[in-house]
């Protein structure tokens, strides 16, 4: 008799090998109830890295005190001005003047024309801010990405509205009171004159939609709380 972890297994004489007897005699060890973790796919990795179209990621605008990043310094001056614009606390007047001075300096350095009263949600990124022009009536959603020479301009007194996580390629022009849906992509040098649905890609002059992914609409935390 052989001992396997406390269980006795009968020895099999040479010449009388029996598979069924051997398997029936071996001890049965219970398998773990936990499922074996699967390796994440490329689609899972891209989905996990995709910025939110609802919740601003303020780390996208963060910078060190001595870090040279003109685009983030420009955004920081806009944020600083908007924080104290309607404040009556002591020192607010000087802080407003300082924010305006900072904004003018960084506007010259970056070559961008983004007004102090712009309606910009958190998480905006401007990798190359040169030539970026934003109309004061435009609205930019959370975690958008604008490349160089992008123009958000008005037509008939109305300006574009961008949803969350919108990427606008270099040289693109978005004109008029159009709506760009969440997770939309605008190709380089496109001239967009019509609405772009969520998750769609628009290119050309005038821009046309060449693809549209089925993106699940983003739901804010407030909306999730009231859902049944």
C-alpha atoms as a PDB file:
ATOM      1  CA  UNK A   1       0.000   0.000   0.000  1.00  0.00           C
ATOM      2  CA  UNK A   2       1.152   3.513  -0.814  1.00  0.00           C
ATOM      3  CA  UNK A   3       0.311   6.616   1.177  1.00  0.00           C
ATOM      4  CA  UNK A   4      -0.638   9.819  -0.701  1.00  0.00           C
ATOM      5  CA  UNK A   5      -1.210  12.684   1.746  1.00  0.00           C
ATOM      6  CA  UNK A   6      -2.765  10.427   4.333  1.00  0.00           C
ATOM      7  CA  UNK A   7      -4.826   8.355   1.887  1.00  0.00           C
ATOM      8  CA  UNK A   8      -3.896   4.742   1.255  1.00  0.00           C
ATOM      9  CA  UNK A   9      -3.596   3.734  -2.390  1.00  0.00           C
ATOM     10  CA  UNK A  10      -3.243   0.044  -3.231  1.00  0.00           C
ATOM     11  CA  UNK A  11      -0.113  -0.846  -5.180  1.00  0.00           C
ATOM     12  CA  UNK A  12      -0.721  -2.385  -8.605  1.00  0.00           C
ATOM     13  CA  UNK A  13       1.237  -5.548  -9.476  1.00  0.00           C
ATOM     14  CA  UNK A  14       3.247  -5.473 -12.692  1.00  0.00           C
ATOM     15  CA  UNK A  15       1.302  -7.058 -15.506  1.00  0.00           C
ATOM     16  CA  UNK A  16      -2.148  -6.304 -14.044  1.00  0.00           C
ATOM     17  CA  UNK A  17      -2.340  -2.573 -14.748  1.00  0.00           C
ATOM     18  CA  UNK A  18      -5.928  -1.299 -14.496  1.00  0.00           C
ATOM     19  CA  UNK A  19      -6.659   2.328 -15.307  1.00  0.00           C
ATOM     20  CA  UNK A  20     -10.074   2.388 -13.626  1.00  0.00           C
ATOM     21  CA  UNK A  21      -8.668   0.991 -10.391  1.00  0.00           C
ATOM     22  CA  UNK A  22      -5.874   3.556 -10.265  1.00  0.00           C
ATOM     23  CA  UNK A  23      -8.149   6.547 -10.891  1.00  0.00           C
ATOM     24  CA  UNK A  24     -10.716   5.325  -8.382  1.00  0.00           C
ATOM     25  CA  UNK A  25      -8.039   4.986  -5.715  1.00  0.00           C
ATOM     26  CA  UNK A  26      -6.492   8.420  -6.111  1.00  0.00           C
ATOM     27  CA  UNK A  27      -7.589  11.070  -3.585  1.00  0.00           C
ATOM     28  CA  UNK A  28      -9.919  13.789  -4.842  1.00  0.00           C
ATOM     29  CA  UNK A  29      -8.888  17.311  -4.013  1.00  0.00           C
ATOM     30  CA  UNK A  30     -11.644  19.935  -4.155  1.00  0.00           C
ATOM     31  CA  UNK A  31     -11.144  22.639  -6.788  1.00  0.00           C
ATOM     32  CA  UNK A  32     -11.262  26.278  -5.864  1.00  0.00           C
ATOM     33  CA  UNK A  33     -14.635  27.951  -6.264  1.00  0.00           C
ATOM     34  CA  UNK A  34     -12.973  31.170  -7.388  1.00  0.00           C
ATOM     35  CA  UNK A  35     -12.924  31.538 -11.208  1.00  0.00           C
ATOM     36  CA  UNK A  36      -9.561  31.720 -12.899  1.00  0.00           C
ATOM     37  CA  UNK A  37      -8.910  35.379 -13.788  1.00  0.00           C
ATOM     38  CA  UNK A  38      -8.708  36.005 -17.519  1.00  0.00           C
ATOM     39  CA  UNK A  39      -6.147  38.249 -19.122  1.00  0.00           C
ATOM     40  CA  UNK A  40      -7.677  41.616 -20.110  1.00  0.00           C
ATOM     41  CA  UNK A  41      -8.174  42.105 -23.822  1.00  0.00           C
ATOM     42  CA  UNK A  42      -7.033  45.151 -25.773  1.00  0.00           C
ATOM     43  CA  UNK A  43     -10.637  46.353 -25.887  1.00  0.00           C
ATOM     44  CA  UNK A  44     -10.897  46.100 -22.093  1.00  0.00           C
ATOM     45  CA  UNK A  45      -7.676  48.071 -21.666  1.00  0.00           C
ATOM     46  CA  UNK A  46      -8.813  50.806 -24.053  1.00  0.00           C
ATOM     47  CA  UNK A  47     -12.189  51.013 -22.327  1.00  0.00           C
ATOM     48  CA  UNK A  48     -10.614  51.316 -18.871  1.00  0.00           C
ATOM     49  CA  UNK A  49      -8.299  54.071 -20.089  1.00  0.00           C
ATOM     50  CA  UNK A  50     -11.029  56.027 -21.874  1.00  0.00           C
ATOM     51  CA  UNK A  51     -11.714  59.305 -20.076  1.00  0.00           C
ATOM     52  CA  UNK A  52     -15.153  59.817 -18.629  1.00  0.00           C
ATOM     53  CA  UNK A  53     -17.649  61.897 -20.579  1.00  0.00           C
ATOM     54  CA  UNK A  54     -19.336  63.004 -17.328  1.00  0.00           C
ATOM     55  CA  UNK A  55     -16.869  63.288 -14.446  1.00  0.00           C
ATOM     56  CA  UNK A  56     -14.013  65.795 -15.010  1.00  0.00           C
ATOM     57  CA  UNK A  57     -10.517  64.438 -14.481  1.00  0.00           C
ATOM     58  CA  UNK A  58      -8.722  67.432 -13.011  1.00  0.00           C
ATOM     59  CA  UNK A  59      -5.388  65.618 -13.080  1.00  0.00           C
ATOM     60  CA  UNK A  60      -5.343  66.273 -16.829  1.00  0.00           C
ATOM     61  CA  UNK A  61      -4.880  69.992 -16.062  1.00  0.00           C
ATOM     62  CA  UNK A  62      -2.534  69.614 -13.079  1.00  0.00           C
ATOM     63  CA  UNK A  63       1.056  70.852 -13.284  1.00  0.00           C
ATOM     64  CA  UNK A  64       4.005  71.326 -11.005  1.00  0.00           C
ATOM     65  CA  UNK A  65       4.860  74.788  -9.735  1.00  0.00           C
ATOM     66  CA  UNK A  66       8.062  75.022 -11.808  1.00  0.00           C
ATOM     67  CA  UNK A  67       6.849  72.775 -14.634  1.00  0.00           C
ATOM     68  CA  UNK A  68       6.944  74.368 -18.093  1.00  0.00           C
ATOM     69  CA  UNK A  69       3.569  73.628 -19.656  1.00  0.00           C
ATOM     70  CA  UNK A  70       2.104  76.769 -21.282  1.00  0.00           C
ATOM     71  CA  UNK A  71      -1.268  75.234 -22.119  1.00  0.00           C
ATOM     72  CA  UNK A  72      -1.904  74.164 -18.536  1.00  0.00           C
ATOM     73  CA  UNK A  73      -0.677  77.508 -17.247  1.00  0.00           C
ATOM     74  CA  UNK A  74      -3.159  79.227 -19.551  1.00  0.00           C
ATOM     75  CA  UNK A  75      -6.003  77.054 -18.261  1.00  0.00           C
ATOM     76  CA  UNK A  76      -4.868  77.681 -14.679  1.00  0.00           C
ATOM     77  CA  UNK A  77      -5.139  81.450 -15.221  1.00  0.00           C
ATOM     78  CA  UNK A  78      -8.687  81.009 -16.565  1.00  0.00           C
ATOM     79  CA  UNK A  79      -9.668  78.844 -13.594  1.00  0.00           C
ATOM     80  CA  UNK A  80      -8.125  81.353 -11.172  1.00  0.00           C
ATOM     81  CA  UNK A  81     -10.078  84.230 -12.707  1.00  0.00           C
ATOM     82  CA  UNK A  82     -13.377  82.352 -12.686  1.00  0.00           C
ATOM     83  CA  UNK A  83     -12.947  81.405  -9.007  1.00  0.00           C
ATOM     84  CA  UNK A  84     -12.744  85.031  -7.908  1.00  0.00           C
ATOM     85  CA  UNK A  85     -14.776  86.712 -10.636  1.00  0.00           C
ATOM     86  CA  UNK A  86     -17.900  87.132  -8.490  1.00  0.00           C
ATOM     87  CA  UNK A  87     -16.158  87.097  -5.130  1.00  0.00           C
ATOM     88  CA  UNK A  88     -16.333  90.052  -2.740  1.00  0.00           C
ATOM     89  CA  UNK A  89     -13.828  88.697  -0.250  1.00  0.00           C
ATOM     90  CA  UNK A  90     -10.864  90.843   0.765  1.00  0.00           C
ATOM     91  CA  UNK A  91      -8.130  90.644  -1.830  1.00  0.00           C
ATOM     92  CA  UNK A  92     -10.431  89.413  -4.604  1.00  0.00           C
ATOM     93  CA  UNK A  93      -9.836  92.540  -6.662  1.00  0.00           C
ATOM     94  CA  UNK A  94      -6.063  92.018  -6.668  1.00  0.00           C
ATOM     95  CA  UNK A  95      -6.476  88.305  -7.387  1.00  0.00           C
ATOM     96  CA  UNK A  96      -8.676  89.111 -10.394  1.00  0.00           C
ATOM     97  CA  UNK A  97      -6.128  91.565 -11.734  1.00  0.00           C
ATOM     98  CA  UNK A  98      -3.348  89.025 -11.238  1.00  0.00           C
ATOM     99  CA  UNK A  99      -5.368  86.331 -13.035  1.00  0.00           C
ATOM    100  CA  UNK A 100      -6.013  88.708 -15.956  1.00  0.00           C
ATOM    101  CA  UNK A 101      -2.298  89.504 -16.177  1.00  0.00           C
ATOM    102  CA  UNK A 102      -1.390  85.819 -16.113  1.00  0.00           C
ATOM    103  CA  UNK A 103      -3.985  85.108 -18.801  1.00  0.00           C
ATOM    104  CA  UNK A 104      -2.577  87.793 -21.097  1.00  0.00           C
ATOM    105  CA  UNK A 105       0.973  86.538 -20.666  1.00  0.00           C
ATOM    106  CA  UNK A 106       0.133  82.913 -21.349  1.00  0.00           C
ATOM    107  CA  UNK A 107      -2.148  83.842 -24.252  1.00  0.00           C
ATOM    108  CA  UNK A 108       0.808  85.536 -25.940  1.00  0.00           C
ATOM    109  CA  UNK A 109       3.128  82.606 -25.199  1.00  0.00           C
ATOM    110  CA  UNK A 110       0.689  79.939 -26.418  1.00  0.00           C
ATOM    111  CA  UNK A 111      -0.809  81.906 -29.294  1.00  0.00           C
ATOM    112  CA  UNK A 112      -4.275  80.785 -28.206  1.00  0.00           C
ATOM    113  CA  UNK A 113      -7.407  82.907 -27.966  1.00  0.00           C
ATOM    114  CA  UNK A 114      -9.477  81.458 -25.120  1.00  0.00           C
ATOM    115  CA  UNK A 115     -11.512  84.104 -23.256  1.00  0.00           C
ATOM    116  CA  UNK A 116     -11.553  84.322 -19.485  1.00  0.00           C
ATOM    117  CA  UNK A 117     -15.318  83.751 -19.405  1.00  0.00           C
ATOM    118  CA  UNK A 118     -15.193  80.552 -21.464  1.00  0.00           C
ATOM    119  CA  UNK A 119     -17.506  77.734 -20.394  1.00  0.00           C
ATOM    120  CA  UNK A 120     -15.007  74.916 -20.038  1.00  0.00           C
ATOM    121  CA  UNK A 121     -15.560  71.823 -17.897  1.00  0.00           C
ATOM    122  CA  UNK A 122     -12.632  70.197 -16.125  1.00  0.00           C
ATOM    123  CA  UNK A 123     -10.053  67.966 -17.764  1.00  0.00           C
ATOM    124  CA  UNK A 124      -9.469  69.935 -20.965  1.00  0.00           C
ATOM    125  CA  UNK A 125      -6.186  69.166 -22.692  1.00  0.00           C
ATOM    126  CA  UNK A 126      -4.395  71.340 -25.268  1.00  0.00           C
ATOM    127  CA  UNK A 127      -1.250  69.435 -26.316  1.00  0.00           C
ATOM    128  CA  UNK A 128      -0.311  72.175 -28.826  1.00  0.00           C
ATOM    129  CA  UNK A 129      -2.360  75.274 -27.993  1.00  0.00           C
ATOM    130  CA  UNK A 130      -1.015  77.447 -30.809  1.00  0.00           C
ATOM    131  CA  UNK A 131      -3.830  78.918 -32.881  1.00  0.00           C
ATOM    132  CA  UNK A 132      -6.706  77.536 -30.781  1.00  0.00           C
ATOM    133  CA  UNK A 133      -9.666  79.950 -30.907  1.00  0.00           C
ATOM    134  CA  UNK A 134     -12.718  79.501 -28.670  1.00  0.00           C
ATOM    135  CA  UNK A 135     -15.802  81.684 -28.932  1.00  0.00           C
ATOM    136  CA  UNK A 136     -17.040  82.961 -25.529  1.00  0.00           C
ATOM    137  CA  UNK A 137     -20.442  81.377 -26.169  1.00  0.00           C
ATOM    138  CA  UNK A 138     -19.008  77.911 -26.791  1.00  0.00           C
ATOM    139  CA  UNK A 139     -19.419  75.118 -24.269  1.00  0.00           C
ATOM    140  CA  UNK A 140     -16.749  72.459 -23.780  1.00  0.00           C
ATOM    141  CA  UNK A 141     -17.607  69.298 -21.822  1.00  0.00           C
ATOM    142  CA  UNK A 142     -15.412  67.282 -19.451  1.00  0.00           C
ATOM    143  CA  UNK A 143     -12.127  65.728 -20.554  1.00  0.00           C
ATOM    144  CA  UNK A 144     -12.053  67.101 -24.091  1.00  0.00           C
ATOM    145  CA  UNK A 145      -8.944  67.212 -26.251  1.00  0.00           C
ATOM    146  CA  UNK A 146      -8.284  70.067 -28.708  1.00  0.00           C
ATOM    147  CA  UNK A 147      -5.271  70.066 -30.980  1.00  0.00           C
ATOM    148  CA  UNK A 148      -3.577  73.049 -32.620  1.00  0.00           C
ATOM    149  CA  UNK A 149      -5.391  75.509 -34.889  1.00  0.00           C
ATOM    150  CA  UNK A 150      -8.857  74.389 -33.728  1.00  0.00           C
ATOM    151  CA  UNK A 151     -11.616  76.990 -34.019  1.00  0.00           C
ATOM    152  CA  UNK A 152     -14.923  76.966 -32.164  1.00  0.00           C
ATOM    153  CA  UNK A 153     -16.708  79.813 -33.907  1.00  0.00           C
ATOM    154  CA  UNK A 154     -20.163  81.334 -34.048  1.00  0.00           C
ATOM    155  CA  UNK A 155     -22.655  81.570 -36.895  1.00  0.00           C
ATOM    156  CA  UNK A 156     -25.808  83.639 -36.643  1.00  0.00           C
ATOM    157  CA  UNK A 157     -24.879  84.407 -33.050  1.00  0.00           C
ATOM    158  CA  UNK A 158     -24.747  80.762 -31.965  1.00  0.00           C
ATOM    159  CA  UNK A 159     -21.649  78.801 -30.929  1.00  0.00           C
ATOM    160  CA  UNK A 160     -20.812  75.066 -30.725  1.00  0.00           C
ATOM    161  CA  UNK A 161     -21.432  72.850 -27.727  1.00  0.00           C
ATOM    162  CA  UNK A 162     -19.085  69.943 -27.122  1.00  0.00           C
ATOM    163  CA  UNK A 163     -20.022  66.938 -25.023  1.00  0.00           C
ATOM    164  CA  UNK A 164     -17.631  64.976 -22.839  1.00  0.00           C
ATOM    165  CA  UNK A 165     -14.444  63.250 -24.037  1.00  0.00           C
ATOM    166  CA  UNK A 166     -14.595  64.870 -27.486  1.00  0.00           C
ATOM    167  CA  UNK A 167     -11.389  64.842 -29.549  1.00  0.00           C
ATOM    168  CA  UNK A 168     -10.972  67.579 -32.163  1.00  0.00           C
ATOM    169  CA  UNK A 169      -8.136  67.141 -34.656  1.00  0.00           C
ATOM    170  CA  UNK A 170      -5.666  69.781 -35.751  1.00  0.00           C
ATOM    171  CA  UNK A 171      -7.053  72.580 -37.868  1.00  0.00           C
ATOM    172  CA  UNK A 172     -10.701  71.589 -37.466  1.00  0.00           C
ATOM    173  CA  UNK A 173     -13.380  74.277 -37.588  1.00  0.00           C
ATOM    174  CA  UNK A 174     -16.641  73.866 -35.668  1.00  0.00           C
ATOM    175  CA  UNK A 175     -19.040  76.625 -36.593  1.00  0.00           C
ATOM    176  CA  UNK A 176     -22.529  77.618 -35.473  1.00  0.00           C
ATOM    177  CA  UNK A 177     -24.893  76.288 -32.861  1.00  0.00           C
ATOM    178  CA  UNK A 178     -24.049  72.656 -33.438  1.00  0.00           C
ATOM    179  CA  UNK A 179     -23.935  69.897 -30.848  1.00  0.00           C
ATOM    180  CA  UNK A 180     -21.024  67.419 -30.703  1.00  0.00           C
ATOM    181  CA  UNK A 181     -22.029  64.305 -28.771  1.00  0.00           C
ATOM    182  CA  UNK A 182     -20.040  62.532 -26.085  1.00  0.00           C
ATOM    183  CA  UNK A 183     -16.985  60.522 -27.213  1.00  0.00           C
ATOM    184  CA  UNK A 184     -17.180  61.976 -30.737  1.00  0.00           C
ATOM    185  CA  UNK A 185     -14.098  62.389 -32.931  1.00  0.00           C
ATOM    186  CA  UNK A 186     -13.528  65.263 -35.360  1.00  0.00           C
ATOM    187  CA  UNK A 187     -10.876  64.722 -38.026  1.00  0.00           C
ATOM    188  CA  UNK A 188      -8.059  67.133 -38.786  1.00  0.00           C
ATOM    189  CA  UNK A 189      -8.995  70.141 -40.943  1.00  0.00           C
ATOM    190  CA  UNK A 190     -12.680  69.189 -40.921  1.00  0.00           C
ATOM    191  CA  UNK A 191     -15.295  71.921 -41.195  1.00  0.00           C
ATOM    192  CA  UNK A 192     -18.247  70.859 -39.065  1.00  0.00           C
ATOM    193  CA  UNK A 193     -21.536  72.622 -39.743  1.00  0.00           C
ATOM    194  CA  UNK A 194     -23.980  69.982 -38.481  1.00  0.00           C
ATOM    195  CA  UNK A 195     -24.540  68.025 -35.276  1.00  0.00           C
ATOM    196  CA  UNK A 196     -22.338  64.986 -34.652  1.00  0.00           C
ATOM    197  CA  UNK A 197     -23.925  62.096 -32.689  1.00  0.00           C
ATOM    198  CA  UNK A 198     -22.265  60.541 -29.668  1.00  0.00           C
ATOM    199  CA  UNK A 199     -19.451  58.157 -30.537  1.00  0.00           C
ATOM    200  CA  UNK A 200     -19.338  59.227 -34.191  1.00  0.00           C
ATOM    201  CA  UNK A 201     -16.326  60.196 -36.295  1.00  0.00           C
ATOM    202  CA  UNK A 202     -16.710  63.178 -38.618  1.00  0.00           C
ATOM    203  CA  UNK A 203     -14.220  64.241 -41.321  1.00  0.00           C
ATOM    204  CA  UNK A 204     -14.034  66.318 -44.479  1.00  0.00           C
ATOM    205  CA  UNK A 205     -15.122  69.691 -45.844  1.00  0.00           C
ATOM    206  CA  UNK A 206     -17.968  69.986 -45.146  1.00  0.00           C
ATOM    207  CA  UNK A 207     -17.689  67.289 -42.513  1.00  0.00           C
ATOM    208  CA  UNK A 208     -19.574  64.029 -42.902  1.00  0.00           C
ATOM    209  CA  UNK A 209     -19.930  61.079 -40.542  1.00  0.00           C
ATOM    210  CA  UNK A 210     -17.836  58.090 -41.620  1.00  0.00           C
ATOM    211  CA  UNK A 211     -18.347  55.830 -38.613  1.00  0.00           C
ATOM    212  CA  UNK A 212     -20.457  55.621 -35.521  1.00  0.00           C
ATOM    213  CA  UNK A 213     -19.880  53.360 -32.546  1.00  0.00           C
ATOM    214  CA  UNK A 214     -22.616  52.288 -30.205  1.00  0.00           C
ATOM    215  CA  UNK A 215     -21.503  54.222 -27.143  1.00  0.00           C
ATOM    216  CA  UNK A 216     -23.630  53.762 -24.043  1.00  0.00           C
ATOM    217  CA  UNK A 217     -24.895  57.188 -22.960  1.00  0.00           C
ATOM    218  CA  UNK A 218     -23.038  58.523 -19.958  1.00  0.00           C
ATOM    219  CA  UNK A 219     -25.131  58.920 -16.803  1.00  0.00           C
ATOM    220  CA  UNK A 220     -24.136  61.365 -14.112  1.00  0.00           C
ATOM    221  CA  UNK A 221     -23.878  60.344 -10.473  1.00  0.00           C
ATOM    222  CA  UNK A 222     -26.919  62.469  -9.640  1.00  0.00           C
ATOM    223  CA  UNK A 223     -28.992  60.688 -12.269  1.00  0.00           C
ATOM    224  CA  UNK A 224     -27.844  57.281 -11.062  1.00  0.00           C
ATOM    225  CA  UNK A 225     -29.047  58.050  -7.531  1.00  0.00           C
ATOM    226  CA  UNK A 226     -32.625  58.676  -8.654  1.00  0.00           C
ATOM    227  CA  UNK A 227     -32.831  55.680 -10.968  1.00  0.00           C
ATOM    228  CA  UNK A 228     -35.130  52.858  -9.701  1.00  0.00           C
END
